Amino acid sequence: MLALSVCLSHLGEVSGTSAFLPLKHYFYSGVAVDCFFVVSGFLIFRSYERSSGILSYFNKRIRRIYPAYLTVVILAAFLLPLLLSTTELFFSSEWIRYLTVNLAFLNFLQPDLPGIFTTNPLQVINPPLWTIKIEVMFYASVPLIFLLMRDRKKWIVLSLLYAASIAYSMILLHFYSSSGQQIYLILAKQLPGQLAFFLGGGAIYLYFAFFQKQCLKLLIPSLIFLLCKGHTFVPGLYPLALAITVISFATYFSYLGNWGKFGDISYGVYIYHFPIIQMFTAFDLFRGHPWQTFFLLLFTIICTSAFSYHCIERPFLRKSSHYRKAEELSTP
């Protein structure tokens, strides 16, 4: 649901099709990404706690995230010049730089290629990959967070890190509002600023028994806070309220997890949707019948993501992975 909402929020701006522009009023990619970080915090804290050691932990993280990431970057580097008749790009300095920095999770250093998508409203190839860099940094931070919690009360460490993350974001957003310089807004969305969402999910995992007992009491004020746009007045509570809401949804509607038996396509939808929309736009497929093409686009994205999971991602997962175990679930 979150991955598809990101896709739909991008569709109008990326394609430049007026029929799709209203979608951004119903689907907001920023909130969806914040929710991703919450879910990630819950699952990654669990992954680390259940790992036999730090090497096992990093091995699992690489197996889950890198095969599909490697695939989407390499496919973009090789297929796009072929399909868009710009084969002179191959092995040029820009092409090598694109491949190198994107494989190293540094998408922001080379987000486009000369001659690729030049007639599209946007020329960037796959900007959603910026969050993968932050995700990888989260992975690296978890052992340090657990080390800090070893001889101290967990809630104190989590609270201090959460407060530091909120302070970082608020200071940079203040600089942005007072100066108008875009760099402050970009920096506010990097690792320290996003850490509060990750910690929100991780904290709920660590105190999950308490959370389950108090779920409804925590959910109601959180929903009121979010629906009344309380983050406008108390921005520091937004990540926590969002974390409570997201994990409560997963707790109350746990049967939705049964979709896992068909495979997890959410990661694929997220990292493949943007270049697919760009390709549809480059070949002018939305002209004339945009909504008919819309369903073809969704079908293409979902099929690509399903193929990626079953043929590229799944073979690298351990049999003990919760993704593999989810496939064994049966509908109650």
Protein backbone atom coordinates (compact mmCIF):
# COMPACT_ATOMS: atom_id res chain seq x y z
CA MET A 1 0.00 0.00 0.00
CA LEU A 2 2.76 2.45 0.91
CA ALA A 3 4.87 1.62 -2.14
CA LEU A 4 1.90 2.03 -4.48
CA SER A 5 1.01 5.35 -2.85
CA VAL A 6 4.52 6.61 -3.63
CA CYS A 7 4.07 5.46 -7.22
CA LEU A 8 0.71 7.21 -7.58
CA SER A 9 1.95 10.42 -5.97
CA HIS A 10 4.79 10.59 -8.51
CA LEU A 11 2.72 9.75 -11.57
CA GLY A 12 1.32 13.18 -12.45
CA GLU A 13 4.54 15.14 -12.03
CA VAL A 14 6.75 12.56 -13.73
CA SER A 15 4.47 11.92 -16.72
CA GLY A 16 3.30 15.52 -17.07
CA THR A 17 -0.20 14.18 -17.72
CA SER A 18 -2.87 16.54 -16.37
CA ALA A 19 -5.31 13.67 -15.75
CA PHE A 20 -2.97 12.27 -13.09
CA LEU A 21 -2.09 15.51 -11.30
CA PRO A 22 -5.00 15.27 -8.79
CA LEU A 23 -3.50 12.00 -7.47
CA LYS A 24 -0.87 13.94 -5.53
CA HIS A 25 -3.65 15.40 -3.38
CA TYR A 26 -4.66 11.90 -2.23
CA PHE A 27 -1.29 10.14 -2.13
CA TYR A 28 1.69 11.80 -0.46
CA SER A 29 5.06 10.16 -0.97
CA GLY A 30 6.61 11.99 2.00
CA VAL A 31 4.26 10.37 4.52
CA ALA A 32 4.67 6.97 2.86
CA VAL A 33 8.46 7.20 3.13
CA ASP A 34 8.15 8.19 6.81
CA CYS A 35 6.01 5.06 7.29
CA PHE A 36 8.65 2.97 5.51
CA PHE A 37 11.23 4.11 8.04
CA VAL A 38 8.88 3.21 10.92
CA VAL A 39 8.34 -0.32 9.57
CA SER A 40 12.06 -0.61 8.90
CA GLY A 41 12.89 0.34 12.49
CA PHE A 42 10.58 -2.35 13.85
CA LEU A 43 11.89 -5.08 11.53
CA ILE A 44 15.59 -4.16 11.63
CA PHE A 45 15.68 -3.98 15.41
CA ARG A 46 14.12 -7.44 15.42
CA SER A 47 16.58 -8.68 12.80
CA TYR A 48 19.56 -7.50 14.84
CA GLU A 49 18.26 -8.94 18.11
CA ARG A 50 17.63 -12.31 16.47
CA SER A 51 20.98 -12.46 14.64
CA SER A 52 23.71 -14.75 15.93
CA GLY A 53 26.28 -12.00 15.49
CA ILE A 54 27.04 -8.74 13.74
CA LEU A 55 28.34 -10.48 10.60
CA SER A 56 25.16 -12.53 10.36
CA TYR A 57 23.12 -9.35 10.77
CA PHE A 58 24.90 -7.48 7.96
CA ASN A 59 24.83 -10.58 5.78
CA LYS A 60 21.02 -10.68 6.05
CA ARG A 61 20.71 -6.97 5.32
CA ILE A 62 22.91 -7.18 2.19
CA ARG A 63 21.01 -10.23 0.94
CA ARG A 64 17.69 -8.41 1.28
CA ILE A 65 18.47 -5.01 -0.17
CA TYR A 66 21.34 -5.28 -2.63
CA PRO A 67 20.31 -7.82 -5.32
CA ALA A 68 17.29 -5.81 -6.52
CA TYR A 69 19.12 -2.51 -6.04
CA LEU A 70 22.05 -3.76 -8.12
CA THR A 71 19.62 -4.95 -10.78
CA VAL A 72 17.70 -1.67 -11.14
CA VAL A 73 20.90 0.39 -11.39
CA ILE A 74 22.54 -1.91 -13.96
CA LEU A 75 19.34 -2.23 -16.02
CA ALA A 76 19.02 1.56 -16.14
CA ALA A 77 22.64 1.98 -17.20
CA PHE A 78 22.44 -0.59 -20.02
CA LEU A 79 18.82 -0.71 -21.15
CA LEU A 80 17.96 3.00 -21.23
CA PRO A 81 20.69 3.97 -23.74
CA LEU A 82 19.66 1.00 -25.91
CA LEU A 83 15.94 1.77 -25.83
CA LEU A 84 16.39 5.51 -26.27
CA SER A 85 19.05 5.24 -29.01
CA THR A 86 21.84 6.88 -27.04
CA THR A 87 24.34 4.01 -27.18
CA GLU A 88 27.23 6.48 -27.50
CA LEU A 89 26.84 6.87 -23.73
CA PHE A 90 28.28 3.41 -23.08
CA PHE A 91 31.57 3.62 -21.17
CA SER A 92 31.64 7.41 -21.35
CA SER A 93 32.79 9.25 -18.22
CA GLU A 94 29.17 10.20 -17.34
CA TRP A 95 27.98 6.61 -17.82
CA ILE A 96 30.79 5.17 -15.67
CA ARG A 97 30.16 7.80 -13.01
CA TYR A 98 26.41 7.04 -13.00
CA LEU A 99 27.02 3.32 -12.60
CA THR A 100 29.71 3.72 -9.93
CA VAL A 101 28.07 6.25 -7.62
CA ASN A 102 24.61 4.68 -7.86
CA LEU A 103 25.96 1.24 -7.01
CA ALA A 104 27.53 2.87 -3.95
CA PHE A 105 24.13 4.28 -2.87
CA LEU A 106 25.21 7.84 -3.82
CA ASN A 107 22.39 8.51 -6.25
CA PHE A 108 22.44 12.26 -5.59
CA LEU A 109 25.91 12.60 -7.16
CA GLN A 110 24.73 11.45 -10.61
CA PRO A 111 20.92 11.18 -10.83
CA ASP A 112 20.70 11.40 -14.64
CA LEU A 113 22.51 10.68 -17.91
CA PRO A 114 23.03 12.94 -20.93
CA GLY A 115 20.41 12.29 -23.60
CA ILE A 116 18.20 10.15 -21.34
CA PHE A 117 14.63 11.41 -20.80
CA THR A 118 15.51 14.84 -22.20
CA THR A 119 11.99 15.28 -23.61
CA ASN A 120 10.32 14.26 -20.34
CA PRO A 121 9.14 16.78 -17.72
CA LEU A 122 11.85 15.37 -15.42
CA GLN A 123 15.23 14.06 -16.57
CA VAL A 124 16.25 12.17 -13.41
CA ILE A 125 16.27 8.39 -13.74
CA ASN A 126 15.37 7.08 -10.28
CA PRO A 127 15.32 9.68 -7.47
CA PRO A 128 13.50 7.44 -4.91
CA LEU A 129 16.82 5.63 -4.49
CA TRP A 130 17.91 8.47 -2.17
CA THR A 131 16.09 6.72 0.67
CA ILE A 132 18.06 3.50 0.18
CA LYS A 133 21.22 5.36 1.18
CA ILE A 134 19.54 6.38 4.43
CA GLU A 135 18.22 2.85 4.94
CA VAL A 136 21.76 1.45 4.65
CA MET A 137 22.97 4.02 7.17
CA PHE A 138 20.19 2.92 9.51
CA TYR A 139 21.45 -0.65 9.19
CA ALA A 140 24.93 0.50 10.18
CA SER A 141 23.62 2.51 13.15
CA VAL A 142 21.66 -0.32 14.79
CA PRO A 143 24.68 -2.15 16.33
CA LEU A 144 25.82 1.17 17.82
CA ILE A 145 22.34 1.89 19.22
CA PHE A 146 22.22 -1.55 20.85
CA LEU A 147 25.74 -1.00 22.22
CA LEU A 148 24.61 2.27 23.82
CA MET A 149 21.62 0.48 25.36
CA ARG A 150 23.68 -2.37 26.79
CA ASP A 151 24.49 -0.83 30.18
CA ARG A 152 21.75 1.78 30.29
CA LYS A 153 17.98 1.81 30.35
CA LYS A 154 16.79 1.41 26.80
CA TRP A 155 14.13 4.10 26.99
CA ILE A 156 16.67 6.74 28.08
CA VAL A 157 18.97 6.07 25.12
CA LEU A 158 16.06 5.95 22.68
CA SER A 159 14.58 9.17 24.07
CA LEU A 160 17.87 11.06 23.83
CA LEU A 161 18.51 9.90 20.26
CA TYR A 162 14.91 10.71 19.30
CA ALA A 163 15.21 14.21 20.79
CA ALA A 164 18.51 14.79 19.00
CA SER A 165 16.93 13.76 15.69
CA ILE A 166 13.99 16.13 16.21
CA ALA A 167 16.32 18.99 17.19
CA TYR A 168 18.44 18.44 14.09
CA SER A 169 15.38 18.59 11.82
CA MET A 170 13.88 21.65 13.50
CA ILE A 171 17.13 23.63 13.37
CA LEU A 172 17.68 22.94 9.67
CA LEU A 173 14.03 23.62 8.80
CA HIS A 174 14.34 26.93 10.64
CA PHE A 175 17.39 27.80 8.57
CA TYR A 176 15.46 26.85 5.43
CA SER A 177 12.43 28.98 6.30
CA SER A 178 14.57 31.98 7.20
CA SER A 179 17.00 31.79 4.27
CA GLY A 180 15.04 29.96 1.57
CA GLN A 181 18.16 27.96 0.68
CA GLN A 182 17.20 24.50 -0.58
CA ILE A 183 20.30 22.86 0.87
CA TYR A 184 18.89 23.14 4.40
CA LEU A 185 15.70 21.31 3.38
CA ILE A 186 17.74 18.56 1.73
CA LEU A 187 19.96 18.14 4.80
CA ALA A 188 16.92 18.07 7.09
CA LYS A 189 15.74 14.91 5.30
CA GLN A 190 19.01 13.03 5.70
CA LEU A 191 19.89 10.39 8.29
CA PRO A 192 19.74 12.39 11.54
CA GLY A 193 16.40 13.94 10.62
CA GLN A 194 14.83 10.62 9.60
CA LEU A 195 16.20 8.72 12.59
CA ALA A 196 13.19 9.63 14.75
CA PHE A 197 10.86 7.56 12.52
CA PHE A 198 13.25 4.60 12.57
CA LEU A 199 13.61 4.83 16.35
CA GLY A 200 9.83 5.02 16.73
CA GLY A 201 9.42 1.66 15.02
CA GLY A 202 12.40 0.18 16.85
CA ALA A 203 11.15 1.32 20.25
CA ILE A 204 7.75 -0.25 19.67
CA TYR A 205 9.48 -3.54 18.85
CA LEU A 206 11.55 -3.41 22.04
CA TYR A 207 8.45 -2.68 24.14
CA PHE A 208 5.99 -4.63 22.03
CA ALA A 209 4.38 -6.55 24.90
CA PHE A 210 3.50 -3.24 26.57
CA PHE A 211 2.42 -1.77 23.23
CA GLN A 212 -0.01 -4.61 22.55
CA LYS A 213 -1.70 -4.12 25.94
CA GLN A 214 -1.97 -0.34 25.54
CA CYS A 215 -2.43 -0.25 21.77
CA LEU A 216 -5.90 1.31 21.67
CA LYS A 217 -5.07 3.89 24.35
CA LEU A 218 -2.02 4.96 22.34
CA LEU A 219 -3.71 4.79 18.95
CA ILE A 220 -6.66 7.12 19.60
CA PRO A 221 -4.62 10.20 20.64
CA SER A 222 -2.11 9.46 17.87
CA LEU A 223 -4.84 9.42 15.23
CA ILE A 224 -6.36 12.63 16.60
CA PHE A 225 -2.92 14.26 16.54
CA LEU A 226 -2.29 13.23 12.92
CA LEU A 227 -5.78 14.02 11.62
CA CYS A 228 -5.80 17.43 13.28
CA LYS A 229 -2.35 18.18 11.85
CA GLY A 230 -0.92 18.39 15.35
CA HIS A 231 2.59 18.15 13.87
CA THR A 232 2.18 21.75 12.76
CA PHE A 233 2.10 22.83 16.42
CA VAL A 234 4.13 20.04 18.06
CA PRO A 235 6.37 18.68 15.27
CA GLY A 236 8.44 16.61 17.67
CA LEU A 237 5.54 14.22 18.31
CA TYR A 238 4.82 13.49 14.65
CA PRO A 239 7.28 10.57 14.20
CA LEU A 240 6.06 8.89 17.39
CA ALA A 241 2.38 9.35 16.55
CA LEU A 242 3.00 7.99 13.06
CA ALA A 243 4.91 4.99 14.44
CA ILE A 244 2.08 4.15 16.85
CA THR A 245 -0.49 4.43 14.05
CA VAL A 246 1.44 2.31 11.54
CA ILE A 247 2.31 -0.51 13.97
CA SER A 248 -1.22 -0.43 15.40
CA PHE A 249 -2.60 -0.92 11.89
CA ALA A 250 -0.27 -3.88 11.39
CA THR A 251 -1.33 -5.29 14.79
CA TYR A 252 -5.09 -4.94 14.34
CA PHE A 253 -5.08 -6.07 10.70
CA SER A 254 -2.40 -8.73 10.98
CA TYR A 255 -4.26 -11.00 8.53
CA LEU A 256 -3.19 -8.63 5.75
CA GLY A 257 0.25 -10.14 6.25
CA ASN A 258 -1.10 -13.27 4.58
CA TRP A 259 -0.39 -11.54 1.26
CA GLY A 260 3.21 -12.42 2.07
CA LYS A 261 2.60 -15.94 0.83
CA PHE A 262 2.59 -14.51 -2.70
CA GLY A 263 5.94 -12.81 -2.11
CA ASP A 264 6.92 -9.33 -1.01
CA ILE A 265 6.74 -6.97 -4.01
CA SER A 266 6.75 -3.71 -2.01
CA TYR A 267 10.50 -3.12 -2.34
CA GLY A 268 10.32 -3.81 -6.06
CA VAL A 269 7.38 -1.43 -6.59
CA TYR A 270 9.34 1.27 -4.80
CA ILE A 271 12.62 1.01 -6.70
CA TYR A 272 11.29 0.12 -10.19
CA HIS A 273 8.24 2.39 -10.54
CA PHE A 274 10.02 5.67 -11.35
CA PRO A 275 12.09 4.52 -14.37
CA ILE A 276 9.06 2.59 -15.68
CA ILE A 277 6.92 5.75 -15.53
CA GLN A 278 9.74 7.62 -17.25
CA MET A 279 9.83 5.04 -20.04
CA PHE A 280 6.05 5.22 -20.57
CA THR A 281 6.41 9.01 -20.75
CA ALA A 282 9.38 8.92 -23.12
CA PHE A 283 7.42 6.74 -25.56
CA ASP A 284 4.36 9.04 -25.20
CA LEU A 285 2.11 6.18 -24.12
CA PHE A 286 -0.15 8.34 -21.95
CA ARG A 287 -1.36 10.49 -24.86
CA GLY A 288 -4.95 9.94 -25.95
CA HIS A 289 -6.03 7.34 -23.40
CA PRO A 290 -4.22 8.09 -20.12
CA TRP A 291 -6.42 5.99 -17.83
CA GLN A 292 -6.25 2.90 -20.03
CA THR A 293 -2.48 3.31 -20.03
CA PHE A 294 -2.59 3.86 -16.26
CA PHE A 295 -3.78 0.28 -15.70
CA LEU A 296 -1.14 -1.02 -18.12
CA LEU A 297 1.47 0.92 -16.15
CA LEU A 298 0.36 -0.57 -12.82
CA PHE A 299 0.30 -4.05 -14.34
CA THR A 300 3.84 -3.54 -15.65
CA ILE A 301 5.14 -2.27 -12.31
CA ILE A 302 3.53 -5.09 -10.32
CA CYS A 303 4.69 -7.80 -12.74
CA THR A 304 8.23 -6.37 -12.77
CA SER A 305 8.26 -6.27 -8.97
CA ALA A 306 6.90 -9.82 -8.67
CA PHE A 307 9.50 -11.10 -11.13
CA SER A 308 12.21 -9.26 -9.22
CA TYR A 309 11.17 -10.77 -5.90
CA HIS A 310 10.81 -14.36 -7.06
CA CYS A 311 13.75 -14.48 -9.50
CA ILE A 312 16.26 -11.96 -8.11
CA GLU A 313 15.56 -11.19 -4.44
CA ARG A 314 14.17 -14.46 -3.06
CA PRO A 315 17.08 -16.71 -4.13
CA PHE A 316 19.42 -14.62 -1.98
CA LEU A 317 17.26 -14.83 1.16
CA ARG A 318 18.01 -17.40 3.82
CA LYS A 319 15.40 -20.05 4.49
CA SER A 320 15.05 -18.61 7.98
CA SER A 321 14.13 -15.19 6.58
CA HIS A 322 10.69 -13.93 7.67
CA TYR A 323 10.01 -13.15 4.00
CA ARG A 324 10.42 -16.83 3.14
CA LYS A 325 8.42 -17.90 6.20
CA ALA A 326 5.58 -15.56 5.24
CA GLU A 327 5.13 -17.57 2.03
CA GLU A 328 4.20 -20.58 4.16
CA LEU A 329 1.24 -18.80 5.75
CA SER A 330 -2.25 -19.90 4.84
CA THR A 331 -5.34 -17.73 5.01
CA PRO A 332 -7.24 -18.46 8.28
